[in-house]
Amino acid sequence: MPSSRDRMFFTTFVKERFWSIVLLAAVLYFVFLIRADLISNSRLKDEKASTAKNLDAEKARQSALKRELRMLNSNSHIEMLAREKLGVVQKGEKAYKVIIK
């Protein structure tokens, strides 16, 4: 069992250092809070960069699809596809079929 002198020393030490201990505890508490916010902020920045990259890729894809749609709506392209895929021949033209053995 501690002596009364030891208890008095401990009590005096705690009273003298109380505000220092409280301040240290508060600083440590806020450091952990700020750390969590910094980690969260870092993750959000990474996610934002990734999303911006994906957005740029999707905008490029959208642009390519719009170009393709304009091409598919043009009569000359429709005619070209009909000739290539379906073998369409206009009046007065002769069709030839190449057979490779």
Protein backbone atom coordinates (compact mmCIF):
# COMPACT_ATOMS: atom_id res chain seq x y z
CA MET A 1 0.00 0.00 0.00
CA PRO A 2 1.41 3.41 -0.98
CA SER A 3 2.46 5.72 1.79
CA SER A 4 0.75 9.03 2.45
CA ARG A 5 3.82 10.84 1.11
CA ASP A 6 3.54 8.94 -2.18
CA ARG A 7 -0.17 9.70 -2.40
CA MET A 8 0.47 13.36 -1.67
CA PHE A 9 3.19 13.51 -4.35
CA PHE A 10 0.88 11.87 -6.90
CA THR A 11 -2.03 14.18 -6.01
CA THR A 12 0.18 17.26 -6.24
CA PHE A 13 1.64 16.06 -9.53
CA VAL A 14 -1.85 15.49 -10.98
CA LYS A 15 -3.09 18.89 -9.79
CA GLU A 16 -0.06 20.68 -11.22
CA ARG A 17 -0.20 18.84 -14.52
CA PHE A 18 -3.99 18.63 -14.88
CA TRP A 19 -4.31 21.27 -17.59
CA SER A 20 -1.26 19.93 -19.39
CA ILE A 21 -2.83 16.47 -19.43
CA VAL A 22 -6.18 17.85 -20.57
CA LEU A 23 -4.48 19.86 -23.32
CA LEU A 24 -2.46 16.83 -24.44
CA ALA A 25 -5.61 14.69 -24.51
CA ALA A 26 -7.45 17.34 -26.54
CA VAL A 27 -4.57 17.66 -29.01
CA LEU A 28 -4.38 13.88 -29.46
CA TYR A 29 -8.16 13.71 -29.95
CA PHE A 30 -8.11 16.41 -32.61
CA VAL A 31 -5.07 14.87 -34.32
CA PHE A 32 -6.98 11.61 -34.76
CA LEU A 33 -10.04 13.49 -36.03
CA ILE A 34 -7.99 15.51 -38.51
CA ARG A 35 -6.12 12.38 -39.61
CA ALA A 36 -9.40 10.67 -40.47
CA ASP A 37 -10.53 13.75 -42.40
CA LEU A 38 -7.24 13.93 -44.29
CA ILE A 39 -7.49 10.27 -45.27
CA SER A 40 -11.11 10.78 -46.36
CA ASN A 41 -10.14 13.90 -48.30
CA SER A 42 -7.33 12.02 -50.04
CA ARG A 43 -9.70 9.23 -51.06
CA LEU A 44 -12.22 11.75 -52.37
CA LYS A 45 -9.53 13.49 -54.45
CA ASP A 46 -8.51 10.13 -55.95
CA GLU A 47 -12.14 9.30 -56.69
CA LYS A 48 -12.67 12.73 -58.27
CA ALA A 49 -9.64 12.26 -60.53
CA SER A 50 -10.83 8.79 -61.54
CA THR A 51 -14.34 10.07 -62.23
CA ALA A 52 -12.99 12.95 -64.32
CA LYS A 53 -10.90 10.48 -66.32
CA ASN A 54 -13.94 8.26 -66.89
CA LEU A 55 -16.01 11.30 -67.86
CA ASP A 56 -13.44 12.31 -70.48
CA ALA A 57 -13.45 8.79 -71.89
CA GLU A 58 -17.26 8.72 -72.03
CA LYS A 59 -17.34 12.14 -73.73
CA ALA A 60 -14.94 10.85 -76.38
CA ARG A 61 -17.10 7.74 -76.83
CA GLN A 62 -20.22 9.90 -77.11
CA SER A 63 -18.54 12.07 -79.73
CA ALA A 64 -17.54 8.98 -81.75
CA LEU A 65 -21.08 7.61 -81.53
CA LYS A 66 -22.56 10.93 -82.69
CA ARG A 67 -20.16 10.93 -85.66
CA GLU A 68 -21.18 7.37 -86.49
CA LEU A 69 -24.87 8.28 -86.22
CA ARG A 70 -24.43 11.22 -88.61
CA MET A 71 -22.65 8.88 -91.03
CA LEU A 72 -25.36 6.23 -90.76
CA ASN A 73 -28.03 8.83 -91.46
CA SER A 74 -26.34 9.98 -94.67
CA ASN A 75 -27.68 8.52 -97.92
CA SER A 76 -24.24 7.90 -99.39
CA HIS A 77 -23.19 5.81 -96.41
CA ILE A 78 -26.45 3.85 -96.45
CA GLU A 79 -25.92 3.11 -100.14
CA MET A 80 -22.33 2.01 -99.51
CA LEU A 81 -23.41 -0.35 -96.73
CA ALA A 82 -26.22 -1.77 -98.87
CA ARG A 83 -23.77 -2.45 -101.70
CA GLU A 84 -21.15 -4.05 -99.43
CA LYS A 85 -23.32 -6.05 -97.06
CA LEU A 86 -26.39 -6.84 -99.15
CA GLY A 87 -24.98 -6.78 -102.69
CA VAL A 88 -27.45 -4.13 -103.86
CA VAL A 89 -27.06 -3.11 -107.52
CA GLN A 90 -28.76 -0.10 -109.13
CA LYS A 91 -30.50 -0.17 -112.47
CA GLY A 92 -28.10 -0.32 -115.37
CA GLU A 93 -25.22 -1.72 -113.32
CA LYS A 94 -23.81 -5.18 -113.80
CA ALA A 95 -23.01 -7.32 -110.80
CA TYR A 96 -20.04 -9.65 -110.76
CA LYS A 97 -19.34 -12.32 -108.20
CA VAL A 98 -15.77 -13.37 -107.55
CA ILE A 99 -15.33 -17.01 -106.61
CA ILE A 100 -12.06 -17.96 -104.99
CA LYS A 101 -11.13 -21.64 -105.00
